[in-house]
N, C-alpha and C. Protein backbone atom coordinates (compact mmCIF):
# COMPACT_ATOMS: atom_id res chain seq x y z
N MET A 1 0.85 -1.11 -0.09
CA MET A 1 -0.05 0.05 -0.02
C MET A 1 0.91 1.23 0.03
N LYS A 2 0.38 2.33 -0.32
CA LYS A 2 1.04 3.71 -0.32
C LYS A 2 0.04 4.66 0.26
N THR A 3 0.71 5.77 0.86
CA THR A 3 -0.05 6.83 1.36
C THR A 3 -0.98 7.44 0.32
N ILE A 4 -2.22 7.80 0.55
CA ILE A 4 -3.18 8.33 -0.37
C ILE A 4 -3.63 9.64 0.12
N ARG A 5 -3.06 10.57 -0.66
CA ARG A 5 -3.36 12.10 -0.27
C ARG A 5 -4.54 12.60 -1.13
N LEU A 6 -5.47 13.23 -0.46
CA LEU A 6 -6.70 13.72 -1.24
C LEU A 6 -6.26 14.74 -2.29
N LEU A 7 -5.22 15.64 -2.06
CA LEU A 7 -4.75 16.63 -2.93
C LEU A 7 -4.26 16.00 -4.22
N GLU A 8 -3.80 14.83 -4.14
CA GLU A 8 -3.16 14.11 -5.33
C GLU A 8 -3.99 13.25 -6.09
N LEU A 9 -5.29 13.16 -5.66
CA LEU A 9 -6.34 12.29 -6.46
C LEU A 9 -7.05 13.07 -7.54
N SER A 10 -7.39 12.43 -8.67
CA SER A 10 -8.29 12.87 -9.63
C SER A 10 -9.75 12.51 -9.06
N PRO A 11 -10.74 13.22 -9.63
CA PRO A 11 -12.11 12.91 -9.21
C PRO A 11 -12.46 11.37 -9.24
N ARG A 12 -11.99 10.73 -10.46
CA ARG A 12 -12.17 9.32 -10.48
C ARG A 12 -11.59 8.47 -9.45
N GLU A 13 -10.34 8.78 -9.26
CA GLU A 13 -9.60 8.02 -8.13
C GLU A 13 -10.26 8.27 -6.79
N LEU A 14 -10.65 9.49 -6.54
CA LEU A 14 -11.34 9.77 -5.18
C LEU A 14 -12.69 8.90 -5.04
N SER A 15 -13.35 8.93 -6.21
CA SER A 15 -14.81 8.32 -6.09
C SER A 15 -14.49 6.66 -5.91
N LYS A 16 -13.44 6.17 -6.56
CA LYS A 16 -13.29 4.74 -6.52
C LYS A 16 -12.65 4.42 -5.12
N THR A 17 -11.79 5.30 -4.52
CA THR A 17 -11.27 5.04 -3.29
C THR A 17 -12.28 5.12 -2.14
N VAL A 18 -13.07 6.14 -2.12
CA VAL A 18 -14.20 6.36 -1.12
C VAL A 18 -15.13 5.28 -1.20
N ALA A 19 -15.46 4.69 -2.30
CA ALA A 19 -16.26 3.61 -2.36
C ALA A 19 -15.74 2.29 -1.68
N LYS A 20 -14.45 2.19 -1.64
CA LYS A 20 -13.85 1.16 -1.03
C LYS A 20 -13.61 1.33 0.42
N LYS A 21 -13.13 2.60 0.76
CA LYS A 21 -12.77 2.92 2.06
C LYS A 21 -13.29 4.39 2.47
N PRO A 22 -14.49 4.53 2.87
CA PRO A 22 -15.26 5.62 3.17
C PRO A 22 -14.77 6.31 4.38
N LEU A 23 -13.57 6.35 4.83
CA LEU A 23 -13.02 7.05 6.00
C LEU A 23 -11.93 7.86 5.57
N ILE A 24 -11.96 9.18 6.07
CA ILE A 24 -10.95 10.15 5.72
C ILE A 24 -10.12 10.42 7.03
N ILE A 25 -8.86 10.57 6.87
CA ILE A 25 -7.98 10.88 8.02
C ILE A 25 -7.53 12.32 7.87
N VAL A 26 -7.92 13.18 9.02
CA VAL A 26 -7.65 14.61 8.91
C VAL A 26 -6.61 15.14 9.94
N PRO A 27 -5.40 15.44 9.39
CA PRO A 27 -4.32 15.87 10.26
C PRO A 27 -4.66 17.42 10.72
N ILE A 28 -4.38 17.62 12.05
CA ILE A 28 -4.56 18.93 12.53
C ILE A 28 -3.29 19.20 13.36
N GLY A 29 -2.85 20.35 13.10
CA GLY A 29 -1.65 20.98 13.94
C GLY A 29 -1.64 22.50 14.06
N THR A 30 -0.57 23.04 14.42
CA THR A 30 -0.36 24.53 14.45
C THR A 30 0.93 24.88 14.00
N VAL A 31 1.14 26.24 13.90
CA VAL A 31 2.50 26.78 13.74
C VAL A 31 2.82 27.54 14.95
N GLU A 32 3.67 27.02 15.83
CA GLU A 32 4.05 27.60 17.03
C GLU A 32 5.47 27.38 17.38
N TRP A 33 6.00 28.25 18.28
CA TRP A 33 7.35 28.15 19.00
C TRP A 33 7.25 27.07 19.88
N HIS A 34 8.34 26.14 19.95
CA HIS A 34 8.45 25.09 20.91
C HIS A 34 9.79 25.31 21.58
N ALA A 35 10.93 25.42 20.77
CA ALA A 35 12.17 25.73 21.33
C ALA A 35 12.98 26.38 20.13
N ASP A 36 14.07 26.93 20.54
CA ASP A 36 14.92 27.48 19.36
C ASP A 36 15.50 26.54 18.39
N HIS A 37 15.64 25.35 18.73
CA HIS A 37 16.15 24.32 17.89
C HIS A 37 15.15 23.39 17.09
N LEU A 38 13.83 23.77 17.38
CA LEU A 38 12.89 22.93 16.85
C LEU A 38 12.14 23.72 15.55
N PRO A 39 11.64 22.98 14.71
CA PRO A 39 10.86 23.80 13.66
C PRO A 39 9.51 24.28 14.23
N LEU A 40 9.00 25.35 13.57
CA LEU A 40 7.71 25.90 14.05
C LEU A 40 6.59 24.93 13.76
N GLY A 41 6.65 23.98 12.94
CA GLY A 41 5.62 23.11 12.58
C GLY A 41 5.66 21.79 13.29
N VAL A 42 6.28 21.71 14.40
CA VAL A 42 6.39 20.43 15.07
C VAL A 42 4.97 19.74 15.22
N ASP A 43 4.06 20.40 15.70
CA ASP A 43 2.73 19.93 15.90
C ASP A 43 2.06 19.33 14.59
N SER A 44 2.19 20.10 13.53
CA SER A 44 1.74 19.97 12.20
C SER A 44 2.46 18.66 11.55
N LEU A 45 3.81 18.66 11.80
CA LEU A 45 4.49 17.65 11.12
C LEU A 45 4.26 16.35 11.78
N LEU A 46 4.14 16.31 13.07
CA LEU A 46 3.76 15.05 13.92
C LEU A 46 2.38 14.58 13.34
N SER A 47 1.51 15.47 13.43
CA SER A 47 0.14 15.08 12.92
C SER A 47 0.12 14.44 11.52
N LEU A 48 0.77 15.15 10.61
CA LEU A 48 0.82 14.67 9.16
C LEU A 48 1.55 13.42 9.07
N ALA A 49 2.59 13.24 9.73
CA ALA A 49 3.38 12.02 9.66
C ALA A 49 2.55 10.77 10.14
N ILE A 50 1.82 11.01 11.31
CA ILE A 50 1.05 9.91 11.82
C ILE A 50 -0.18 9.57 11.00
N CYS A 51 -0.75 10.56 10.46
CA CYS A 51 -1.91 10.40 9.56
C CYS A 51 -1.46 9.74 8.17
N GLU A 52 -0.28 10.11 7.73
CA GLU A 52 0.27 9.45 6.45
C GLU A 52 0.62 8.00 6.70
N GLU A 53 1.07 7.68 7.88
CA GLU A 53 1.38 6.35 8.29
C GLU A 53 0.08 5.51 8.28
N LEU A 54 -0.89 6.08 8.93
CA LEU A 54 -2.29 5.44 9.05
C LEU A 54 -2.77 5.11 7.59
N SER A 55 -2.62 6.13 6.67
CA SER A 55 -3.07 5.86 5.32
C SER A 55 -2.28 4.78 4.73
N LEU A 56 -1.05 4.82 4.88
CA LEU A 56 -0.16 3.72 4.32
C LEU A 56 -0.62 2.40 4.82
N ARG A 57 -0.94 2.24 6.03
CA ARG A 57 -1.28 0.95 6.58
C ARG A 57 -2.78 0.53 6.26
N THR A 58 -3.49 1.50 6.09
CA THR A 58 -5.05 1.05 5.82
C THR A 58 -5.66 1.37 4.47
N GLY A 59 -4.91 2.22 3.61
CA GLY A 59 -5.45 2.54 2.39
C GLY A 59 -6.43 3.65 2.34
N CYS A 60 -6.73 4.28 3.53
CA CYS A 60 -7.57 5.41 3.56
C CYS A 60 -7.06 6.70 3.17
N ILE A 61 -7.81 7.62 2.86
CA ILE A 61 -7.36 8.88 2.24
C ILE A 61 -6.93 9.94 3.40
N VAL A 62 -5.87 10.57 3.21
CA VAL A 62 -5.35 11.68 4.17
C VAL A 62 -5.86 13.06 3.54
N ALA A 63 -6.65 13.82 4.29
CA ALA A 63 -7.03 15.17 3.94
C ALA A 63 -5.88 16.07 4.06
N PRO A 64 -5.91 17.31 3.49
CA PRO A 64 -4.93 18.30 3.60
C PRO A 64 -4.85 18.64 5.08
N LEU A 65 -3.66 19.05 5.50
CA LEU A 65 -3.35 19.49 6.86
C LEU A 65 -4.09 20.74 7.29
N VAL A 66 -4.62 20.69 8.41
CA VAL A 66 -5.29 21.95 8.98
C VAL A 66 -4.23 22.45 10.02
N ALA A 67 -3.40 23.58 9.58
CA ALA A 67 -2.42 23.93 10.34
C ALA A 67 -2.76 25.21 11.06
N SER A 68 -3.87 25.26 11.78
CA SER A 68 -4.40 26.46 12.57
C SER A 68 -5.05 25.86 13.80
N GLY A 69 -4.85 26.51 14.92
CA GLY A 69 -5.45 26.10 16.09
C GLY A 69 -5.45 27.06 17.25
N ILE A 70 -5.67 26.62 18.44
CA ILE A 70 -5.75 27.35 19.60
C ILE A 70 -4.36 27.35 20.36
N CYS A 71 -3.77 28.51 20.24
CA CYS A 71 -2.42 28.64 20.75
C CYS A 71 -2.35 29.72 21.86
N ARG A 72 -2.86 29.47 23.00
CA ARG A 72 -2.90 30.54 23.92
C ARG A 72 -1.67 30.55 24.90
N ASP A 73 -0.99 29.33 24.98
CA ASP A 73 0.19 29.35 25.82
C ASP A 73 1.46 29.89 25.25
N LEU A 74 1.68 29.92 24.02
CA LEU A 74 2.96 30.33 23.34
C LEU A 74 2.79 31.51 22.46
N GLN A 75 2.00 32.55 22.87
CA GLN A 75 1.83 33.78 22.11
C GLN A 75 2.97 34.55 21.67
N PRO A 76 3.07 35.15 20.38
CA PRO A 76 4.18 35.96 20.06
C PRO A 76 4.48 37.08 20.95
N GLU A 77 3.56 37.83 21.50
CA GLU A 77 3.65 38.90 22.37
C GLU A 77 4.34 38.53 23.71
N ARG A 78 4.45 37.22 24.04
CA ARG A 78 5.07 36.85 25.08
C ARG A 78 6.42 36.37 24.89
N GLY A 79 6.94 36.54 23.71
CA GLY A 79 8.39 36.19 23.27
C GLY A 79 8.47 34.98 22.55
N TYR A 80 7.31 34.33 22.17
CA TYR A 80 7.46 33.07 21.36
C TYR A 80 7.37 33.43 19.95
N PHE A 81 8.36 33.90 19.26
CA PHE A 81 8.48 34.35 18.05
C PHE A 81 8.21 33.28 16.99
N GLY A 82 7.32 33.36 16.13
CA GLY A 82 7.07 32.40 15.00
C GLY A 82 5.82 31.77 15.36
N THR A 83 5.15 31.94 16.44
CA THR A 83 3.98 31.27 16.62
C THR A 83 2.82 32.12 15.95
N VAL A 84 1.94 31.44 15.04
CA VAL A 84 0.87 32.09 14.40
C VAL A 84 -0.20 32.23 15.29
N ASP A 85 -0.55 33.45 15.63
CA ASP A 85 -1.45 33.81 16.81
C ASP A 85 -2.69 32.86 16.66
N THR A 86 -3.25 32.59 18.01
CA THR A 86 -4.34 31.66 18.03
C THR A 86 -5.59 32.03 17.21
N ILE A 87 -6.48 31.22 16.83
CA ILE A 87 -7.73 31.52 16.12
C ILE A 87 -8.66 31.26 17.30
N GLN A 88 -9.90 31.79 17.18
CA GLN A 88 -10.95 31.59 18.16
C GLN A 88 -11.52 30.22 18.17
N GLU A 89 -11.98 29.75 19.19
CA GLU A 89 -12.59 28.38 19.40
C GLU A 89 -13.71 28.06 18.32
N SER A 90 -14.56 29.28 18.17
CA SER A 90 -15.74 29.11 17.18
C SER A 90 -15.16 29.09 15.74
N THR A 91 -14.02 29.62 15.50
CA THR A 91 -13.37 29.59 14.12
C THR A 91 -12.95 28.12 13.77
N LEU A 92 -12.17 27.56 14.86
CA LEU A 92 -11.77 26.11 14.60
C LEU A 92 -12.97 25.15 14.55
N SER A 93 -13.80 25.21 15.58
CA SER A 93 -15.02 24.36 15.31
C SER A 93 -15.87 24.54 14.18
N GLY A 94 -16.02 25.68 13.70
CA GLY A 94 -16.76 25.99 12.40
C GLY A 94 -15.91 25.48 11.23
N LEU A 95 -14.61 25.59 11.35
CA LEU A 95 -13.78 25.01 10.15
C LEU A 95 -13.87 23.46 10.25
N VAL A 96 -13.71 22.89 11.27
CA VAL A 96 -13.91 21.43 11.37
C VAL A 96 -15.30 20.90 10.85
N SER A 97 -16.22 21.60 11.35
CA SER A 97 -17.70 21.30 10.89
C SER A 97 -17.82 21.41 9.36
N ASP A 98 -17.32 22.57 8.85
CA ASP A 98 -17.46 22.81 7.37
C ASP A 98 -16.69 21.71 6.62
N LEU A 99 -15.40 21.43 6.95
CA LEU A 99 -14.69 20.33 6.38
C LEU A 99 -15.42 19.01 6.35
N LEU A 100 -16.00 18.64 7.54
CA LEU A 100 -16.57 17.38 7.63
C LEU A 100 -17.85 17.33 6.90
N GLN A 101 -18.56 18.43 6.77
CA GLN A 101 -19.70 18.50 5.85
C GLN A 101 -19.42 18.31 4.36
N GLY A 102 -18.31 18.87 4.06
CA GLY A 102 -17.70 18.74 2.74
C GLY A 102 -17.26 17.30 2.37
N TYR A 103 -16.62 16.66 3.39
CA TYR A 103 -16.23 15.28 3.29
C TYR A 103 -17.42 14.36 3.06
N ALA A 104 -18.49 14.63 3.92
CA ALA A 104 -19.66 13.84 3.84
C ALA A 104 -20.20 13.90 2.41
N LYS A 105 -20.33 15.01 1.83
CA LYS A 105 -20.82 15.27 0.48
C LYS A 105 -20.01 14.49 -0.60
N MET A 106 -18.78 14.21 -0.26
CA MET A 106 -17.81 13.40 -1.07
C MET A 106 -18.10 12.01 -1.03
N GLY A 107 -18.93 11.62 -0.03
CA GLY A 107 -19.21 10.10 0.22
C GLY A 107 -18.56 9.45 1.51
N PHE A 108 -17.71 10.31 2.20
CA PHE A 108 -17.14 9.65 3.33
C PHE A 108 -18.17 9.54 4.41
N LYS A 109 -18.06 8.40 5.12
CA LYS A 109 -19.09 8.16 6.18
C LYS A 109 -18.33 8.28 7.46
N LYS A 110 -17.07 8.24 7.59
CA LYS A 110 -16.30 8.39 8.95
C LYS A 110 -15.07 9.14 8.77
N ALA A 111 -14.60 9.84 9.79
CA ALA A 111 -13.49 10.67 9.74
C ALA A 111 -12.72 10.57 10.97
N VAL A 112 -11.34 10.29 10.84
CA VAL A 112 -10.52 10.42 12.12
C VAL A 112 -9.82 11.77 12.03
N LEU A 113 -10.04 12.53 12.99
CA LEU A 113 -9.28 13.79 13.15
C LEU A 113 -8.23 13.74 14.12
N PHE A 114 -6.92 13.86 13.71
CA PHE A 114 -5.76 13.56 14.71
C PHE A 114 -5.07 15.06 14.80
N SER A 115 -4.90 15.28 16.19
CA SER A 115 -4.29 16.63 16.56
C SER A 115 -2.83 16.34 17.07
N GLY A 116 -1.81 16.91 16.56
CA GLY A 116 -0.53 16.92 17.12
C GLY A 116 -0.20 18.08 18.07
N HIS A 117 -1.33 18.93 18.23
CA HIS A 117 -1.18 20.08 19.20
C HIS A 117 -1.87 19.73 20.46
N PHE A 118 -1.31 20.05 21.52
CA PHE A 118 -2.01 19.73 22.94
C PHE A 118 -2.40 20.92 23.65
N GLU A 119 -3.58 21.26 23.69
CA GLU A 119 -4.17 22.30 24.38
C GLU A 119 -5.63 22.08 24.52
N MET A 120 -6.13 22.10 25.72
CA MET A 120 -7.57 21.67 26.01
C MET A 120 -8.66 22.44 25.15
N GLU A 121 -8.46 23.79 25.08
CA GLU A 121 -9.31 24.64 24.36
C GLU A 121 -9.34 24.16 22.85
N HIS A 122 -8.22 23.80 22.37
CA HIS A 122 -7.98 23.22 21.00
C HIS A 122 -8.75 21.91 20.76
N PHE A 123 -8.50 20.96 21.81
CA PHE A 123 -9.37 19.73 21.78
C PHE A 123 -10.74 19.96 21.72
N ASN A 124 -11.28 20.78 22.65
CA ASN A 124 -12.69 20.99 22.87
C ASN A 124 -13.34 21.62 21.51
N ALA A 125 -12.72 22.49 20.83
CA ALA A 125 -13.13 23.06 19.69
C ALA A 125 -13.27 22.08 18.55
N ILE A 126 -12.36 21.28 18.47
CA ILE A 126 -12.43 20.28 17.42
C ILE A 126 -13.49 19.22 17.81
N LYS A 127 -13.64 18.87 19.00
CA LYS A 127 -14.78 17.89 19.32
C LYS A 127 -16.10 18.53 19.03
N LYS A 128 -16.26 19.90 19.44
CA LYS A 128 -17.52 20.61 19.06
C LYS A 128 -17.74 20.55 17.61
N GLY A 129 -16.85 20.82 16.76
CA GLY A 129 -17.08 20.68 15.28
C GLY A 129 -17.39 19.43 14.90
N ILE A 130 -16.94 18.47 15.46
CA ILE A 130 -17.28 16.95 14.99
C ILE A 130 -18.82 16.71 15.42
N GLU A 131 -19.13 17.19 16.59
CA GLU A 131 -20.53 16.99 17.13
C GLU A 131 -21.57 17.77 16.25
N GLU A 132 -21.17 18.75 15.55
CA GLU A 132 -22.03 19.59 14.73
C GLU A 132 -22.45 18.93 13.41
N VAL A 133 -21.76 17.72 12.94
CA VAL A 133 -21.99 17.18 11.78
C VAL A 133 -22.42 15.73 11.94
N PRO A 134 -23.69 15.37 12.19
CA PRO A 134 -24.25 14.13 12.30
C PRO A 134 -24.07 13.13 11.09
N SER A 135 -23.98 13.74 9.96
CA SER A 135 -23.83 12.95 8.70
C SER A 135 -22.56 12.17 8.49
N ILE A 136 -21.64 12.48 9.31
CA ILE A 136 -20.27 11.65 9.36
C ILE A 136 -19.97 11.35 10.76
N GLN A 137 -19.46 10.03 10.84
CA GLN A 137 -19.09 9.62 12.29
C GLN A 137 -17.59 10.14 12.43
N GLY A 138 -17.35 11.10 13.29
CA GLY A 138 -16.10 11.66 13.62
C GLY A 138 -15.40 11.13 14.85
N VAL A 139 -14.16 10.85 14.70
CA VAL A 139 -13.48 10.31 15.89
C VAL A 139 -12.18 11.36 16.01
N PHE A 140 -12.03 11.80 17.33
CA PHE A 140 -10.94 12.67 17.69
C PHE A 140 -9.81 11.98 18.31
N LEU A 141 -8.52 11.98 17.88
CA LEU A 141 -7.45 11.31 18.61
C LEU A 141 -6.27 12.27 18.72
N THR A 142 -5.38 12.10 19.68
CA THR A 142 -4.11 12.65 19.69
C THR A 142 -3.11 11.56 20.04
N ALA A 143 -1.85 11.87 20.15
CA ALA A 143 -0.75 10.91 20.40
C ALA A 143 -0.99 10.22 21.75
N LEU A 144 -1.69 11.03 22.75
CA LEU A 144 -1.90 10.39 23.92
C LEU A 144 -2.87 9.18 23.93
N ASP A 145 -3.66 9.18 22.91
CA ASP A 145 -4.50 8.01 22.78
C ASP A 145 -3.71 6.74 22.40
N PHE A 146 -2.59 6.86 21.84
CA PHE A 146 -1.84 5.73 21.57
C PHE A 146 -0.88 5.15 22.69
N ILE A 147 -0.78 6.01 23.68
CA ILE A 147 0.19 5.61 24.75
C ILE A 147 -0.33 5.64 26.09
N LYS A 148 -1.70 6.14 26.18
CA LYS A 148 -2.21 6.27 27.54
C LYS A 148 -2.27 4.90 28.36
N ASP A 149 -2.28 3.80 27.81
CA ASP A 149 -2.28 2.53 28.59
C ASP A 149 -0.81 2.24 29.03
N LYS A 150 0.17 2.92 28.50
CA LYS A 150 1.61 2.67 28.76
C LYS A 150 2.05 3.67 29.92
N VAL A 151 1.27 4.76 30.20
CA VAL A 151 1.63 5.72 31.04
C VAL A 151 0.80 5.49 32.39
N LYS A 152 1.45 5.37 33.37
CA LYS A 152 0.78 4.97 34.69
C LYS A 152 0.76 6.27 35.68
C-alpha cells in the first residue's frame, strides 16, 4: 500500500477510493514556537506523519493538513516568535464542521481527526466541530490515545 493524499487524487480516483474505504484521516496541527532548535511546525509535522502512516497501513485517504489552532500558551507577544497567533474556538469548530460536511458530500462516512497540538481549548473546539455534523461519524485522537495505557 501507499499513502493516499486527497490533494493528489483525480475525481475518478477519489470516487473509487471512497467507495472502497469511506474513511478520511484529517491531520490537525499548528504553527508555533516550541524551542529555538525545533521547527515551528512540530505539531503539524507530527500530525501529518502519523496520518500518512495510518493511510499507508489502511489505504484510507489523508485530507490536507489543517495548520491552525488554539495557541494560548505560546503567543508571540510573550516572546514566542514564530507562533501564528491563536484562532478563536468558534473559528476552529466551524472550520472542522465545514470540512466534515464537505467530506460527507464526497461520500465519506467516517473521519478520524488527529491533532498533534496539545491544548484543551483546541481539543474542545475540534470535538465541538465533530458534534455539529451528524452526517459523518467523527473520531478525535491525539498521540496520547496511542500511549495512555503505557503511562501510569
